Amino acid sequence: QVQLVESGGGLVQAGGSLRLSCAASGRTRNSFAMGWFRQAPGLEREFVGAISWNGGSVSYTDSVKGRFTISKDNAENTVYLQMNSLKPEDTAVYYCAAKATIYPGRLYSISNDYNYWGQGTQVTVSS
């Protein structure tokens, strides 16, 4: 298995910023596309954004476009989620996910596409 560990969550005021990190370890010799998902209290897990293995393609859900940015560092086996202009509705547990792929530019936005998940990191945005 590949292990994913998220970090960087916390409590911030509305309008503030956070940068989440997801570090991968274990059997990471294969190529991985990465994704971020979140689950707010009482709601289903939802797609936030994704990045292809080569970093050349990114995708975001409409509610975070223009505010969140995904990036990755393959050499460090780490993916990031920069979150700016945070809103109370962004409050959720954020999960990192990995998908082994042979397609350098492929994106995945469905939860079932991913087999490797982190434990999540809490992001709370106060008004």
C-alpha atoms as a PDB file:
ATOM      1  CA  GLN A   1       0.000   0.000   0.000  1.00  0.00           C
ATOM      2  CA  VAL A   2       0.880   3.639  -0.439  1.00  0.00           C
ATOM      3  CA  GLN A   3       0.572   5.772   2.655  1.00  0.00           C
ATOM      4  CA  LEU A   4      -0.691   9.334   2.431  1.00  0.00           C
ATOM      5  CA  VAL A   5      -0.433  11.820   5.272  1.00  0.00           C
ATOM      6  CA  GLU A   6      -2.137  15.204   5.154  1.00  0.00           C
ATOM      7  CA  SER A   7      -1.002  18.177   7.167  1.00  0.00           C
ATOM      8  CA  GLY A   8      -1.552  21.905   7.353  1.00  0.00           C
ATOM      9  CA  GLY A   9      -5.135  22.069   8.504  1.00  0.00           C
ATOM     10  CA  GLY A  10      -6.303  24.315  11.279  1.00  0.00           C
ATOM     11  CA  LEU A  11      -8.587  27.128  12.340  1.00  0.00           C
ATOM     12  CA  VAL A  12      -8.588  30.345  10.338  1.00  0.00           C
ATOM     13  CA  GLN A  13     -10.823  33.367   9.973  1.00  0.00           C
ATOM     14  CA  ALA A  14     -12.866  33.937   6.855  1.00  0.00           C
ATOM     15  CA  GLY A  15     -10.687  35.467   4.175  1.00  0.00           C
ATOM     16  CA  GLY A  16      -7.587  33.758   5.456  1.00  0.00           C
ATOM     17  CA  SER A  17      -5.361  31.179   3.829  1.00  0.00           C
ATOM     18  CA  LEU A  18      -4.044  27.707   4.496  1.00  0.00           C
ATOM     19  CA  ARG A  19      -1.767  25.383   2.585  1.00  0.00           C
ATOM     20  CA  LEU A  20      -2.398  21.684   2.918  1.00  0.00           C
ATOM     21  CA  SER A  21       0.303  19.153   2.188  1.00  0.00           C
ATOM     22  CA  CYS A  22       0.003  15.485   1.338  1.00  0.00           C
ATOM     23  CA  ALA A  23       3.123  13.379   1.618  1.00  0.00           C
ATOM     24  CA  ALA A  24       3.215   9.940   0.025  1.00  0.00           C
ATOM     25  CA  SER A  25       5.369   7.085   1.197  1.00  0.00           C
ATOM     26  CA  GLY A  26       5.635   3.362   0.665  1.00  0.00           C
ATOM     27  CA  ARG A  27       5.436   1.873  -2.815  1.00  0.00           C
ATOM     28  CA  THR A  28       5.643   5.113  -4.745  1.00  0.00           C
ATOM     29  CA  ARG A  29       7.732   4.046  -7.734  1.00  0.00           C
ATOM     30  CA  ASN A  30       4.695   4.104 -10.002  1.00  0.00           C
ATOM     31  CA  SER A  31       3.193   7.291 -11.379  1.00  0.00           C
ATOM     32  CA  PHE A  32       0.320   8.771  -9.408  1.00  0.00           C
ATOM     33  CA  ALA A  33      -2.333  11.289 -10.206  1.00  0.00           C
ATOM     34  CA  MET A  34      -3.541  13.062  -7.087  1.00  0.00           C
ATOM     35  CA  GLY A  35      -6.787  14.473  -5.844  1.00  0.00           C
ATOM     36  CA  TRP A  36      -8.235  16.423  -2.955  1.00  0.00           C
ATOM     37  CA  PHE A  37     -11.663  15.761  -1.509  1.00  0.00           C
ATOM     38  CA  ARG A  38     -13.508  17.151   1.474  1.00  0.00           C
ATOM     39  CA  GLN A  39     -16.367  16.183   3.702  1.00  0.00           C
ATOM     40  CA  ALA A  40     -18.299  18.790   5.654  1.00  0.00           C
ATOM     41  CA  PRO A  41     -20.457  17.903   8.666  1.00  0.00           C
ATOM     42  CA  GLY A  42     -23.622  16.150   7.582  1.00  0.00           C
ATOM     43  CA  LEU A  43     -22.651  16.142   3.906  1.00  0.00           C
ATOM     44  CA  GLU A  44     -21.251  13.647   1.458  1.00  0.00           C
ATOM     45  CA  ARG A  45     -17.627  13.605   0.434  1.00  0.00           C
ATOM     46  CA  GLU A  46     -17.092  15.929  -2.500  1.00  0.00           C
ATOM     47  CA  PHE A  47     -14.416  16.474  -5.082  1.00  0.00           C
ATOM     48  CA  VAL A  48     -12.271  19.562  -4.568  1.00  0.00           C
ATOM     49  CA  GLY A  49      -9.529  19.334  -7.154  1.00  0.00           C
ATOM     50  CA  ALA A  50      -7.119  17.065  -8.959  1.00  0.00           C
ATOM     51  CA  ILE A  51      -3.742  17.181 -10.621  1.00  0.00           C
ATOM     52  CA  SER A  52      -2.229  14.844 -13.179  1.00  0.00           C
ATOM     53  CA  TRP A  53       0.945  12.900 -12.606  1.00  0.00           C
ATOM     54  CA  ASN A  54       2.972  15.256 -14.813  1.00  0.00           C
ATOM     55  CA  GLY A  55       1.422  18.300 -13.149  1.00  0.00           C
ATOM     56  CA  GLY A  56       0.293  19.624 -16.498  1.00  0.00           C
ATOM     57  CA  SER A  57      -3.428  19.303 -15.924  1.00  0.00           C
ATOM     58  CA  VAL A  58      -5.534  20.489 -13.015  1.00  0.00           C
ATOM     59  CA  SER A  59      -9.223  20.522 -12.278  1.00  0.00           C
ATOM     60  CA  TYR A  60     -11.335  22.155  -9.574  1.00  0.00           C
ATOM     61  CA  THR A  61     -14.892  22.094  -8.427  1.00  0.00           C
ATOM     62  CA  ASP A  62     -16.718  25.319  -9.242  1.00  0.00           C
ATOM     63  CA  SER A  63     -16.994  26.496  -5.649  1.00  0.00           C
ATOM     64  CA  VAL A  64     -13.216  26.747  -5.204  1.00  0.00           C
ATOM     65  CA  LYS A  65     -12.115  27.970  -8.627  1.00  0.00           C
ATOM     66  CA  GLY A  66     -10.033  31.095  -8.352  1.00  0.00           C
ATOM     67  CA  ARG A  67      -9.375  30.500  -4.664  1.00  0.00           C
ATOM     68  CA  PHE A  68      -7.671  27.104  -4.436  1.00  0.00           C
ATOM     69  CA  THR A  69      -4.580  25.930  -6.273  1.00  0.00           C
ATOM     70  CA  ILE A  70      -3.211  22.397  -6.539  1.00  0.00           C
ATOM     71  CA  SER A  71       0.448  21.747  -7.173  1.00  0.00           C
ATOM     72  CA  LYS A  72       2.803  18.833  -6.778  1.00  0.00           C
ATOM     73  CA  ASP A  73       6.445  17.983  -6.399  1.00  0.00           C
ATOM     74  CA  ASN A  74       7.125  14.530  -7.788  1.00  0.00           C
ATOM     75  CA  ALA A  75      10.674  14.523  -6.481  1.00  0.00           C
ATOM     76  CA  GLU A  76       9.325  14.933  -2.956  1.00  0.00           C
ATOM     77  CA  ASN A  77       6.216  12.798  -3.483  1.00  0.00           C
ATOM     78  CA  THR A  78       4.127  15.639  -2.174  1.00  0.00           C
ATOM     79  CA  VAL A  79       0.987  17.369  -3.383  1.00  0.00           C
ATOM     80  CA  TYR A  80      -0.256  20.711  -2.088  1.00  0.00           C
ATOM     81  CA  LEU A  81      -3.552  22.507  -1.850  1.00  0.00           C
ATOM     82  CA  GLN A  82      -3.189  26.254  -1.444  1.00  0.00           C
ATOM     83  CA  MET A  83      -6.456  27.671  -0.133  1.00  0.00           C
ATOM     84  CA  ASN A  84      -7.015  31.420  -0.251  1.00  0.00           C
ATOM     85  CA  SER A  85     -10.007  33.606   0.543  1.00  0.00           C
ATOM     86  CA  LEU A  86     -11.414  30.898   2.744  1.00  0.00           C
ATOM     87  CA  LYS A  87     -15.108  30.897   3.549  1.00  0.00           C
ATOM     88  CA  PRO A  88     -17.006  29.273   6.417  1.00  0.00           C
ATOM     89  CA  GLU A  89     -18.538  26.860   3.911  1.00  0.00           C
ATOM     90  CA  ASP A  90     -15.042  25.528   3.220  1.00  0.00           C
ATOM     91  CA  THR A  91     -15.052  24.000   6.690  1.00  0.00           C
ATOM     92  CA  ALA A  92     -14.543  20.268   6.284  1.00  0.00           C
ATOM     93  CA  VAL A  93     -12.158  17.405   6.709  1.00  0.00           C
ATOM     94  CA  TYR A  94      -9.874  17.445   3.688  1.00  0.00           C
ATOM     95  CA  TYR A  95      -8.574  14.192   2.256  1.00  0.00           C
ATOM     96  CA  CYS A  96      -5.729  13.510  -0.109  1.00  0.00           C
ATOM     97  CA  ALA A  97      -6.060  10.632  -2.563  1.00  0.00           C
ATOM     98  CA  ALA A  98      -3.742   8.909  -5.034  1.00  0.00           C
ATOM     99  CA  LYS A  99      -4.408   6.971  -8.218  1.00  0.00           C
ATOM    100  CA  ALA A 100      -1.752   4.897  -9.935  1.00  0.00           C
ATOM    101  CA  THR A 101      -1.875   5.675 -13.633  1.00  0.00           C
ATOM    102  CA  ILE A 102       0.040   5.128 -16.847  1.00  0.00           C
ATOM    103  CA  TYR A 103      -1.407   8.326 -18.331  1.00  0.00           C
ATOM    104  CA  PRO A 104       0.813  11.326 -17.533  1.00  0.00           C
ATOM    105  CA  GLY A 105      -1.892  13.911 -18.158  1.00  0.00           C
ATOM    106  CA  ARG A 106      -4.954  12.083 -16.882  1.00  0.00           C
ATOM    107  CA  LEU A 107      -7.229  13.612 -14.242  1.00  0.00           C
ATOM    108  CA  TYR A 108      -9.558  11.785 -11.886  1.00  0.00           C
ATOM    109  CA  SER A 109     -12.462  13.452 -10.132  1.00  0.00           C
ATOM    110  CA  ILE A 110     -14.529  10.526  -8.883  1.00  0.00           C
ATOM    111  CA  SER A 111     -13.915   9.121  -5.426  1.00  0.00           C
ATOM    112  CA  ASN A 112     -14.086   5.533  -6.634  1.00  0.00           C
ATOM    113  CA  ASP A 113     -11.187   6.151  -9.014  1.00  0.00           C
ATOM    114  CA  TYR A 114      -8.837   6.459  -6.061  1.00  0.00           C
ATOM    115  CA  ASN A 115      -7.560   3.531  -4.050  1.00  0.00           C
ATOM    116  CA  TYR A 116      -5.204   5.323  -1.676  1.00  0.00           C
ATOM    117  CA  TRP A 117      -6.447   7.820   0.895  1.00  0.00           C
ATOM    118  CA  GLY A 118      -5.008   9.815   3.728  1.00  0.00           C
ATOM    119  CA  GLN A 119      -6.565  10.123   7.167  1.00  0.00           C
ATOM    120  CA  GLY A 120      -7.706  13.674   6.568  1.00  0.00           C
ATOM    121  CA  THR A 121      -6.939  17.035   8.091  1.00  0.00           C
ATOM    122  CA  GLN A 122      -9.505  19.359   9.631  1.00  0.00           C
ATOM    123  CA  VAL A 123     -10.009  22.808   8.169  1.00  0.00           C
ATOM    124  CA  THR A 124     -12.263  25.142  10.117  1.00  0.00           C
ATOM    125  CA  VAL A 125     -13.085  28.625   8.854  1.00  0.00           C
ATOM    126  CA  SER A 126     -14.726  30.988  11.309  1.00  0.00           C
ATOM    127  CA  SER A 127     -16.884  33.944  10.359  1.00  0.00           C
END
